[in-house]
C-alpha cells in the first residue's frame, strides 16, 4: 500500500513539473492542511 502511495506521489510530482506548476509556499501548504482538517472534522471523518 505504501509503495503504491509513493508511486502515485511521484507520478503527481512529475505531472506538476510537466505542467510547469510553481511549488506551494509553506503558507499555502498550511492553509491546505487546515482546510482538509476542517472538512474532516465537519463530517466526522477520521484521517486514516
PDB file of N, CA and C in Angstrom:
ATOM      1  N   UNK A   1       0.823  -1.184   0.000  1.00  0.00           N
ATOM      2  CA  UNK A   1       0.000   0.000   0.000  1.00  0.00           C
ATOM      3  C   UNK A   1       0.876   1.260   0.000  1.00  0.00           C
ATOM      4  N   UNK A   2       1.899   1.297   0.841  1.00  0.00           N
ATOM      5  CA  UNK A   2       2.780   2.475   0.883  1.00  0.00           C
ATOM      6  C   UNK A   2       3.528   2.645  -0.431  1.00  0.00           C
ATOM      7  N   UNK A   3       3.913   1.530  -1.019  1.00  0.00           N
ATOM      8  CA  UNK A   3       4.632   1.602  -2.294  1.00  0.00           C
ATOM      9  C   UNK A   3       3.738   2.228  -3.365  1.00  0.00           C
ATOM     10  N   UNK A   4       2.463   1.829  -3.375  1.00  0.00           N
ATOM     11  CA  UNK A   4       1.515   2.397  -4.337  1.00  0.00           C
ATOM     12  C   UNK A   4       1.321   3.891  -4.085  1.00  0.00           C
ATOM     13  N   UNK A   5       1.223   4.276  -2.820  1.00  0.00           N
ATOM     14  CA  UNK A   5       1.059   5.692  -2.479  1.00  0.00           C
ATOM     15  C   UNK A   5       2.285   6.487  -2.911  1.00  0.00           C
ATOM     16  N   UNK A   6       3.457   5.917  -2.705  1.00  0.00           N
ATOM     17  CA  UNK A   6       4.685   6.582  -3.131  1.00  0.00           C
ATOM     18  C   UNK A   6       4.738   6.758  -4.635  1.00  0.00           C
ATOM     19  N   UNK A   7       4.310   5.732  -5.362  1.00  0.00           N
ATOM     20  CA  UNK A   7       4.294   5.821  -6.825  1.00  0.00           C
ATOM     21  C   UNK A   7       3.313   6.892  -7.286  1.00  0.00           C
ATOM     22  N   UNK A   8       2.138   6.944  -6.634  1.00  0.00           N
ATOM     23  CA  UNK A   8       1.166   7.986  -7.003  1.00  0.00           C
ATOM     24  C   UNK A   8       1.723   9.378  -6.735  1.00  0.00           C
ATOM     25  N   UNK A   9       2.433   9.524  -5.615  1.00  0.00           N
ATOM     26  CA  UNK A   9       3.035  10.816  -5.284  1.00  0.00           C
ATOM     27  C   UNK A   9       4.066  11.214  -6.333  1.00  0.00           C
ATOM     28  N   UNK A  10       4.947  10.290  -6.683  1.00  0.00           N
ATOM     29  CA  UNK A  10       5.969  10.595  -7.689  1.00  0.00           C
ATOM     30  C   UNK A  10       5.342  10.906  -9.041  1.00  0.00           C
ATOM     31  N   UNK A  11       4.291  10.174  -9.406  1.00  0.00           N
ATOM     32  CA  UNK A  11       3.591  10.447 -10.665  1.00  0.00           C
ATOM     33  C   UNK A  11       2.976  11.846 -10.649  1.00  0.00           C
ATOM     34  N   UNK A  12       2.366  12.215  -9.525  1.00  0.00           N
ATOM     35  CA  UNK A  12       1.757  13.544  -9.413  1.00  0.00           C
ATOM     36  C   UNK A  12       2.820  14.634  -9.496  1.00  0.00           C
ATOM     37  N   UNK A  13       3.951  14.399  -8.843  1.00  0.00           N
ATOM     38  CA  UNK A  13       5.040  15.382  -8.889  1.00  0.00           C
ATOM     39  C   UNK A  13       5.529  15.571 -10.321  1.00  0.00           C
ATOM     40  N   UNK A  14       5.634  14.487 -11.062  1.00  0.00           N
ATOM     41  CA  UNK A  14       6.086  14.587 -12.450  1.00  0.00           C
ATOM     42  C   UNK A  14       5.069  15.353 -13.295  1.00  0.00           C
ATOM     43  N   UNK A  15       3.778  15.103 -13.067  1.00  0.00           N
ATOM     44  CA  UNK A  15       2.751  15.832 -13.826  1.00  0.00           C
ATOM     45  C   UNK A  15       2.809  17.327 -13.516  1.00  0.00           C
ATOM     46  N   UNK A  16       3.050  17.680 -12.253  1.00  0.00           N
ATOM     47  CA  UNK A  16       3.159  19.095 -11.888  1.00  0.00           C
ATOM     48  C   UNK A  16       4.366  19.741 -12.555  1.00  0.00           C
ATOM     49  N   UNK A  17       5.490  19.019 -12.574  1.00  0.00           N
ATOM     50  CA  UNK A  17       6.687  19.549 -13.246  1.00  0.00           C
ATOM     51  C   UNK A  17       6.419  19.761 -14.731  1.00  0.00           C
ATOM     52  N   UNK A  18       5.779  18.777 -15.348  1.00  0.00           N
ATOM     53  CA  UNK A  18       5.479  18.847 -16.776  1.00  0.00           C
ATOM     54  C   UNK A  18       4.541  20.015 -17.077  1.00  0.00           C
ATOM     55  N   UNK A  19       3.579  20.259 -16.189  1.00  0.00           N
ATOM     56  CA  UNK A  19       2.613  21.344 -16.380  1.00  0.00           C
ATOM     57  C   UNK A  19       3.189  22.697 -15.982  1.00  0.00           C
ATOM     58  N   UNK A  20       4.430  22.697 -15.474  1.00  0.00           N
ATOM     59  CA  UNK A  20       5.112  23.922 -15.068  1.00  0.00           C
ATOM     60  C   UNK A  20       4.348  24.665 -13.967  1.00  0.00           C
ATOM     61  N   UNK A  21       3.803  23.899 -13.020  1.00  0.00           N
ATOM     62  CA  UNK A  21       3.075  24.472 -11.884  1.00  0.00           C
ATOM     63  C   UNK A  21       4.092  24.854 -10.813  1.00  0.00           C
ATOM     64  N   UNK A  22       4.060  26.103 -10.335  1.00  0.00           N
ATOM     65  CA  UNK A  22       5.021  26.510  -9.303  1.00  0.00           C
ATOM     66  C   UNK A  22       4.744  25.787  -7.984  1.00  0.00           C
ATOM     67  N   UNK A  23       5.768  25.549  -7.198  1.00  0.00           N
ATOM     68  CA  UNK A  23       5.564  24.868  -5.913  1.00  0.00           C
ATOM     69  C   UNK A  23       4.767  25.746  -4.949  1.00  0.00           C
ATOM     70  N   UNK A  24       4.062  25.094  -4.021  1.00  0.00           N
ATOM     71  CA  UNK A  24       3.309  25.823  -2.999  1.00  0.00           C
ATOM     72  C   UNK A  24       4.262  26.413  -1.975  1.00  0.00           C
ATOM     73  N   UNK A  25       3.874  27.547  -1.427  1.00  0.00           N
ATOM     74  CA  UNK A  25       4.639  28.125  -0.326  1.00  0.00           C
ATOM     75  C   UNK A  25       4.268  27.381   0.958  1.00  0.00           C
ATOM     76  N   UNK A  26       5.051  27.580   2.003  1.00  0.00           N
ATOM     77  CA  UNK A  26       4.728  26.948   3.288  1.00  0.00           C
ATOM     78  C   UNK A  26       3.358  27.406   3.780  1.00  0.00           C
ATOM     79  N   UNK A  27       3.035  28.673   3.566  1.00  0.00           N
ATOM     80  CA  UNK A  27       1.735  29.200   3.988  1.00  0.00           C
ATOM     81  C   UNK A  27       0.596  28.531   3.216  1.00  0.00           C
ATOM     82  N   UNK A  28       0.775  28.343   1.916  1.00  0.00           N
ATOM     83  CA  UNK A  28      -0.251  27.683   1.113  1.00  0.00           C
ATOM     84  C   UNK A  28      -0.454  26.233   1.561  1.00  0.00           C
ATOM     85  N   UNK A  29       0.633  25.555   1.880  1.00  0.00           N
ATOM     86  CA  UNK A  29       0.536  24.177   2.365  1.00  0.00           C
ATOM     87  C   UNK A  29      -0.221  24.145   3.688  1.00  0.00           C
ATOM     88  N   UNK A  30       0.131  25.041   4.602  1.00  0.00           N
ATOM     89  CA  UNK A  30      -0.548  25.104   5.899  1.00  0.00           C
ATOM     90  C   UNK A  30      -2.039  25.384   5.716  1.00  0.00           C
ATOM     91  N   UNK A  31      -2.386  26.270   4.785  1.00  0.00           N
ATOM     92  CA  UNK A  31      -3.792  26.576   4.512  1.00  0.00           C
ATOM     93  C   UNK A  31      -4.528  25.347   3.980  1.00  0.00           C
ATOM     94  N   UNK A  32      -3.892  24.598   3.089  1.00  0.00           N
ATOM     95  CA  UNK A  32      -4.498  23.381   2.538  1.00  0.00           C
ATOM     96  C   UNK A  32      -4.721  22.337   3.627  1.00  0.00           C
ATOM     97  N   UNK A  33      -3.719  22.152   4.474  1.00  0.00           N
ATOM     98  CA  UNK A  33      -3.832  21.183   5.569  1.00  0.00           C
ATOM     99  C   UNK A  33      -4.972  21.583   6.500  1.00  0.00           C
ATOM    100  N   UNK A  34      -5.039  22.858   6.841  1.00  0.00           N
ATOM    101  CA  UNK A  34      -6.105  23.345   7.723  1.00  0.00           C
ATOM    102  C   UNK A  34      -7.481  23.126   7.095  1.00  0.00           C
ATOM    103  N   UNK A  35      -7.597  23.352   5.795  1.00  0.00           N
ATOM    104  CA  UNK A  35      -8.878  23.167   5.113  1.00  0.00           C
ATOM    105  C   UNK A  35      -9.307  21.702   5.127  1.00  0.00           C
ATOM    106  N   UNK A  36      -8.374  20.801   4.889  1.00  0.00           N
ATOM    107  CA  UNK A  36      -8.699  19.367   4.907  1.00  0.00           C
ATOM    108  C   UNK A  36      -9.091  18.932   6.312  1.00  0.00           C
ATOM    109  N   UNK A  37      -8.356  19.390   7.299  1.00  0.00           N
ATOM    110  CA  UNK A  37      -8.686  19.035   8.688  1.00  0.00           C
ATOM    111  C   UNK A  37     -10.067  19.556   9.072  1.00  0.00           C
ATOM    112  N   UNK A  38     -10.382  20.770   8.662  1.00  0.00           N
ATOM    113  CA  UNK A  38     -11.696  21.341   8.975  1.00  0.00           C
ATOM    114  C   UNK A  38     -12.803  20.545   8.291  1.00  0.00           C
ATOM    115  N   UNK A  39     -12.575  20.143   7.046  1.00  0.00           N
ATOM    116  CA  UNK A  39     -13.578  19.362   6.321  1.00  0.00           C
ATOM    117  C   UNK A  39     -13.783  18.005   6.980  1.00  0.00           C
ATOM    118  N   UNK A  40     -12.707  17.373   7.395  1.00  0.00           N
ATOM    119  CA  UNK A  40     -12.821  16.069   8.063  1.00  0.00           C
ATOM    120  C   UNK A  40     -13.547  16.203   9.396  1.00  0.00           C
ATOM    121  N   UNK A  41     -13.231  17.268  10.118  1.00  0.00           N
ATOM    122  CA  UNK A  41     -13.875  17.488  11.416  1.00  0.00           C
ATOM    123  C   UNK A  41     -15.372  17.719  11.226  1.00  0.00           C
ATOM    124  N   UNK A  42     -15.731  18.463  10.180  1.00  0.00           N
ATOM    125  CA  UNK A  42     -17.131  18.776   9.917  1.00  0.00           C
ATOM    126  C   UNK A  42     -17.933  17.526   9.562  1.00  0.00           C
ATOM    127  N   UNK A  43     -17.295  16.568   8.907  1.00  0.00           N
ATOM    128  CA  UNK A  43     -18.002  15.348   8.506  1.00  0.00           C
ATOM    129  C   UNK A  43     -17.782  14.204   9.484  1.00  0.00           C
ATOM    130  N   UNK A  44     -16.917  14.418  10.470  1.00  0.00           N
ATOM    131  CA  UNK A  44     -16.630  13.370  11.438  1.00  0.00           C
ATOM    132  C   UNK A  44     -15.743  12.277  10.886  1.00  0.00           C
ATOM    133  N   UNK A  45     -15.090  12.543   9.753  1.00  0.00           N
ATOM    134  CA  UNK A  45     -14.224  11.539   9.125  1.00  0.00           C
ATOM    135  C   UNK A  45     -12.895  11.456   9.849  1.00  0.00           C
ATOM    136  N   UNK A  46     -12.387  10.251   9.967  1.00  0.00           N
ATOM    137  CA  UNK A  46     -11.062  10.042  10.559  1.00  0.00           C
ATOM    138  C   UNK A  46     -10.008  10.255   9.491  1.00  0.00           C
ATOM    139  N   UNK A  47      -8.800  10.527   9.910  1.00  0.00           N
ATOM    140  CA  UNK A  47      -7.719  10.762   8.962  1.00  0.00           C
ATOM    141  C   UNK A  47      -7.126   9.508   8.369  1.00  0.00           C
ATOM    142  N   UNK A  48      -7.584   8.350   8.773  1.00  0.00           N
ATOM    143  CA  UNK A  48      -6.967   7.109   8.289  1.00  0.00           C
ATOM    144  C   UNK A  48      -7.940   6.307   7.506  1.00  0.00           C
TER     145      UNK A  48
END
